[in-house]
Amino acid sequence: MKNQQNNSKYLGHDYTNKSTDSARLIQSVRKLFSSGGKFTAKELNSLAGTNDARKHISVLRNKEGWQIEDCRLSNGCKPYWLAGKGGNNE
């Protein structure tokens, strides 16, 4: 029973430890950006099945060097896209 309790921390979303869930979610966001689309954080959350899209964008930008661009629109939403894949199609 003690062994079961020690392993329980790996079942949650611990982003300090690159767990399989975290890696899977980042891979989902990576794949969406590679498709060339523009996505808001809310859309990414829905499509990738996460609630930390902005955190995943930050990881892709800062740790993996992806050139993800964004701009604030007049309605307040902020689309994100991979540079060179869809930034000029407004």
N, C-alpha and C. Protein backbone atom coordinates (compact mmCIF):
# COMPACT_ATOMS: atom_id res chain seq x y z
N MET A 1 0.82 -1.19 0.00
CA MET A 1 0.00 0.00 0.00
C MET A 1 0.86 1.26 0.00
N LYS A 2 1.99 1.20 0.72
CA LYS A 2 2.88 2.36 0.76
C LYS A 2 3.44 2.67 -0.63
N ASN A 3 3.78 1.64 -1.37
CA ASN A 3 4.29 1.83 -2.72
C ASN A 3 3.26 2.53 -3.60
N GLN A 4 2.01 2.20 -3.43
CA GLN A 4 0.93 2.81 -4.19
C GLN A 4 0.82 4.30 -3.88
N GLN A 5 0.96 4.68 -2.64
CA GLN A 5 0.89 6.09 -2.26
C GLN A 5 2.07 6.87 -2.85
N ASN A 6 3.24 6.29 -2.88
CA ASN A 6 4.41 6.97 -3.42
C ASN A 6 4.27 7.21 -4.92
N ASN A 7 3.61 6.32 -5.62
CA ASN A 7 3.45 6.47 -7.06
C ASN A 7 2.29 7.38 -7.43
N SER A 8 1.44 7.73 -6.47
CA SER A 8 0.25 8.51 -6.79
C SER A 8 0.57 9.90 -7.31
N LYS A 9 1.71 10.48 -6.92
CA LYS A 9 2.03 11.82 -7.40
C LYS A 9 2.28 11.85 -8.91
N TYR A 10 2.60 10.71 -9.49
CA TYR A 10 2.86 10.66 -10.93
C TYR A 10 1.57 10.55 -11.75
N LEU A 11 0.44 10.38 -11.10
CA LEU A 11 -0.81 10.28 -11.82
C LEU A 11 -1.40 11.64 -12.16
N GLY A 12 -1.01 12.69 -11.46
CA GLY A 12 -1.52 14.04 -11.70
C GLY A 12 -0.70 14.76 -12.75
N HIS A 13 -1.02 16.02 -12.96
CA HIS A 13 -0.30 16.83 -13.93
C HIS A 13 0.78 17.63 -13.22
N ASP A 14 1.94 17.04 -13.05
CA ASP A 14 3.07 17.69 -12.41
C ASP A 14 3.99 18.21 -13.51
N TYR A 15 3.92 19.51 -13.81
CA TYR A 15 4.67 20.05 -14.93
C TYR A 15 6.12 20.32 -14.60
N THR A 16 6.52 20.21 -13.34
CA THR A 16 7.94 20.33 -13.02
C THR A 16 8.66 19.05 -13.41
N ASN A 17 7.96 17.95 -13.41
CA ASN A 17 8.50 16.67 -13.86
C ASN A 17 7.86 16.38 -15.21
N LYS A 18 8.66 16.20 -16.25
CA LYS A 18 8.13 16.02 -17.60
C LYS A 18 7.45 14.64 -17.70
N SER A 19 6.24 14.57 -17.19
CA SER A 19 5.50 13.31 -17.19
C SER A 19 4.96 13.03 -18.58
N THR A 20 4.42 11.85 -18.77
CA THR A 20 3.86 11.48 -20.06
C THR A 20 2.68 12.36 -20.41
N ASP A 21 1.87 12.73 -19.43
CA ASP A 21 0.73 13.60 -19.71
C ASP A 21 1.20 14.96 -20.21
N SER A 22 2.18 15.54 -19.54
CA SER A 22 2.70 16.84 -19.95
C SER A 22 3.30 16.76 -21.35
N ALA A 23 4.08 15.75 -21.60
CA ALA A 23 4.70 15.58 -22.91
C ALA A 23 3.65 15.37 -23.99
N ARG A 24 2.60 14.64 -23.67
CA ARG A 24 1.52 14.40 -24.64
C ARG A 24 0.79 15.69 -24.96
N LEU A 25 0.52 16.50 -23.96
CA LEU A 25 -0.20 17.76 -24.17
C LEU A 25 0.64 18.75 -24.97
N ILE A 26 1.92 18.84 -24.65
CA ILE A 26 2.81 19.72 -25.42
C ILE A 26 2.92 19.23 -26.86
N GLN A 27 2.97 17.92 -27.06
CA GLN A 27 3.01 17.36 -28.41
C GLN A 27 1.75 17.72 -29.17
N SER A 28 0.60 17.70 -28.51
CA SER A 28 -0.66 18.07 -29.16
C SER A 28 -0.64 19.52 -29.61
N VAL A 29 -0.16 20.41 -28.75
CA VAL A 29 -0.07 21.84 -29.09
C VAL A 29 0.95 22.03 -30.21
N ARG A 30 2.06 21.32 -30.15
CA ARG A 30 3.09 21.39 -31.19
C ARG A 30 2.50 20.99 -32.55
N LYS A 31 1.74 19.92 -32.56
CA LYS A 31 1.14 19.43 -33.80
C LYS A 31 0.13 20.44 -34.37
N LEU A 32 -0.64 21.08 -33.49
CA LEU A 32 -1.60 22.08 -33.95
C LEU A 32 -0.88 23.26 -34.60
N PHE A 33 0.19 23.75 -33.98
CA PHE A 33 0.94 24.86 -34.58
C PHE A 33 1.60 24.44 -35.88
N SER A 34 2.07 23.22 -35.97
CA SER A 34 2.70 22.73 -37.20
C SER A 34 1.72 22.67 -38.36
N SER A 35 0.42 22.59 -38.06
CA SER A 35 -0.58 22.54 -39.12
C SER A 35 -0.73 23.88 -39.83
N GLY A 36 -0.21 24.95 -39.22
CA GLY A 36 -0.24 26.25 -39.88
C GLY A 36 -1.41 27.12 -39.51
N GLY A 37 -2.20 26.72 -38.54
CA GLY A 37 -3.37 27.51 -38.16
C GLY A 37 -3.07 28.57 -37.13
N LYS A 38 -4.07 29.43 -36.93
CA LYS A 38 -4.02 30.43 -35.87
C LYS A 38 -5.01 29.98 -34.80
N PHE A 39 -4.58 30.05 -33.56
CA PHE A 39 -5.41 29.56 -32.46
C PHE A 39 -5.35 30.53 -31.29
N THR A 40 -6.47 30.73 -30.63
CA THR A 40 -6.46 31.43 -29.35
C THR A 40 -6.13 30.39 -28.28
N ALA A 41 -5.77 30.85 -27.10
CA ALA A 41 -5.47 29.92 -26.00
C ALA A 41 -6.70 29.07 -25.69
N LYS A 42 -7.87 29.67 -25.76
CA LYS A 42 -9.11 28.94 -25.48
C LYS A 42 -9.31 27.81 -26.51
N GLU A 43 -9.04 28.10 -27.77
CA GLU A 43 -9.16 27.07 -28.81
C GLU A 43 -8.13 25.96 -28.61
N LEU A 44 -6.90 26.34 -28.29
CA LEU A 44 -5.86 25.33 -28.03
C LEU A 44 -6.24 24.44 -26.86
N ASN A 45 -6.77 25.04 -25.80
CA ASN A 45 -7.21 24.26 -24.65
C ASN A 45 -8.25 23.24 -25.06
N SER A 46 -9.20 23.66 -25.86
CA SER A 46 -10.27 22.78 -26.30
C SER A 46 -9.75 21.67 -27.22
N LEU A 47 -8.94 22.04 -28.20
CA LEU A 47 -8.46 21.07 -29.18
C LEU A 47 -7.44 20.08 -28.61
N ALA A 48 -6.60 20.55 -27.70
CA ALA A 48 -5.55 19.69 -27.14
C ALA A 48 -5.99 19.00 -25.86
N GLY A 49 -7.13 19.38 -25.31
CA GLY A 49 -7.61 18.75 -24.09
C GLY A 49 -6.82 19.15 -22.87
N THR A 50 -6.44 20.41 -22.79
CA THR A 50 -5.66 20.93 -21.67
C THR A 50 -6.32 22.19 -21.14
N ASN A 51 -5.79 22.72 -20.06
CA ASN A 51 -6.24 24.03 -19.59
C ASN A 51 -5.04 24.94 -19.36
N ASP A 52 -3.89 24.57 -19.90
CA ASP A 52 -2.64 25.33 -19.73
C ASP A 52 -2.01 25.69 -21.07
N ALA A 53 -2.80 26.08 -22.06
CA ALA A 53 -2.26 26.35 -23.39
C ALA A 53 -1.19 27.43 -23.36
N ARG A 54 -1.40 28.49 -22.59
CA ARG A 54 -0.40 29.56 -22.56
C ARG A 54 0.91 29.07 -21.95
N LYS A 55 0.84 28.16 -21.01
CA LYS A 55 2.05 27.58 -20.44
C LYS A 55 2.78 26.72 -21.48
N HIS A 56 2.02 25.96 -22.26
CA HIS A 56 2.64 25.13 -23.31
C HIS A 56 3.25 26.01 -24.39
N ILE A 57 2.61 27.13 -24.72
CA ILE A 57 3.17 28.07 -25.68
C ILE A 57 4.49 28.61 -25.14
N SER A 58 4.53 28.94 -23.87
CA SER A 58 5.75 29.44 -23.24
C SER A 58 6.87 28.40 -23.30
N VAL A 59 6.55 27.16 -23.04
CA VAL A 59 7.55 26.08 -23.11
C VAL A 59 8.08 25.97 -24.54
N LEU A 60 7.19 25.99 -25.52
CA LEU A 60 7.62 25.88 -26.92
C LEU A 60 8.50 27.07 -27.32
N ARG A 61 8.13 28.25 -26.85
CA ARG A 61 8.92 29.44 -27.19
C ARG A 61 10.28 29.45 -26.50
N ASN A 62 10.28 29.25 -25.20
CA ASN A 62 11.49 29.47 -24.41
C ASN A 62 12.42 28.27 -24.30
N LYS A 63 11.87 27.08 -24.22
CA LYS A 63 12.73 25.90 -24.05
C LYS A 63 13.04 25.20 -25.36
N GLU A 64 12.13 25.34 -26.34
CA GLU A 64 12.34 24.64 -27.61
C GLU A 64 12.66 25.58 -28.77
N GLY A 65 12.60 26.89 -28.53
CA GLY A 65 13.01 27.85 -29.54
C GLY A 65 12.02 28.08 -30.68
N TRP A 66 10.78 27.70 -30.51
CA TRP A 66 9.78 27.90 -31.56
C TRP A 66 9.46 29.39 -31.68
N GLN A 67 9.30 29.87 -32.89
CA GLN A 67 8.94 31.26 -33.16
C GLN A 67 7.42 31.37 -33.25
N ILE A 68 6.77 31.43 -32.10
CA ILE A 68 5.31 31.55 -32.05
C ILE A 68 4.99 33.02 -31.87
N GLU A 69 4.22 33.55 -32.81
CA GLU A 69 3.85 34.96 -32.77
C GLU A 69 2.43 35.12 -32.27
N ASP A 70 2.12 36.34 -31.84
CA ASP A 70 0.77 36.65 -31.39
C ASP A 70 0.52 38.13 -31.58
N CYS A 71 -0.74 38.51 -31.52
CA CYS A 71 -1.12 39.92 -31.52
C CYS A 71 -2.48 40.05 -30.85
N ARG A 72 -2.67 41.16 -30.17
CA ARG A 72 -3.95 41.40 -29.49
C ARG A 72 -4.88 42.07 -30.49
N LEU A 73 -6.06 41.48 -30.71
CA LEU A 73 -7.04 42.04 -31.62
C LEU A 73 -7.92 43.06 -30.89
N SER A 74 -8.67 43.84 -31.65
CA SER A 74 -9.51 44.89 -31.05
C SER A 74 -10.59 44.32 -30.14
N ASN A 75 -11.00 43.07 -30.39
CA ASN A 75 -12.03 42.45 -29.54
C ASN A 75 -11.44 41.83 -28.28
N GLY A 76 -10.12 41.94 -28.10
CA GLY A 76 -9.47 41.47 -26.88
C GLY A 76 -8.87 40.08 -26.98
N CYS A 77 -9.22 39.30 -28.00
CA CYS A 77 -8.63 37.96 -28.08
C CYS A 77 -7.23 38.05 -28.70
N LYS A 78 -6.46 37.02 -28.46
CA LYS A 78 -5.06 37.01 -28.86
C LYS A 78 -4.75 35.71 -29.60
N PRO A 79 -4.76 35.72 -30.93
CA PRO A 79 -4.40 34.50 -31.67
C PRO A 79 -2.89 34.28 -31.66
N TYR A 80 -2.50 33.02 -31.66
CA TYR A 80 -1.10 32.61 -31.71
C TYR A 80 -0.91 31.80 -32.98
N TRP A 81 0.27 31.91 -33.59
CA TRP A 81 0.57 31.12 -34.77
C TRP A 81 2.07 30.94 -34.87
N LEU A 82 2.48 29.94 -35.62
CA LEU A 82 3.89 29.65 -35.85
C LEU A 82 4.38 30.58 -36.95
N ALA A 83 5.44 31.34 -36.70
CA ALA A 83 5.96 32.30 -37.67
C ALA A 83 6.24 31.61 -39.00
N GLY A 84 5.81 32.23 -40.07
CA GLY A 84 6.02 31.68 -41.39
C GLY A 84 4.95 30.69 -41.82
N LYS A 85 4.03 30.33 -40.92
CA LYS A 85 3.01 29.34 -41.24
C LYS A 85 1.62 29.95 -41.44
N GLY A 86 1.37 31.16 -40.94
CA GLY A 86 0.01 31.69 -41.07
C GLY A 86 -0.15 33.11 -40.58
N GLY A 87 0.93 33.82 -40.41
CA GLY A 87 0.84 35.15 -39.84
C GLY A 87 0.31 36.22 -40.77
N ASN A 88 0.34 36.02 -42.07
CA ASN A 88 -0.03 37.06 -43.01
C ASN A 88 -1.44 36.91 -43.56
N ASN A 89 -2.19 35.95 -43.08
CA ASN A 89 -3.51 35.65 -43.66
C ASN A 89 -4.64 36.23 -42.84
N GLU A 90 -4.64 37.48 -42.49
CA GLU A 90 -5.72 38.00 -41.64
C GLU A 90 -6.88 38.44 -42.44
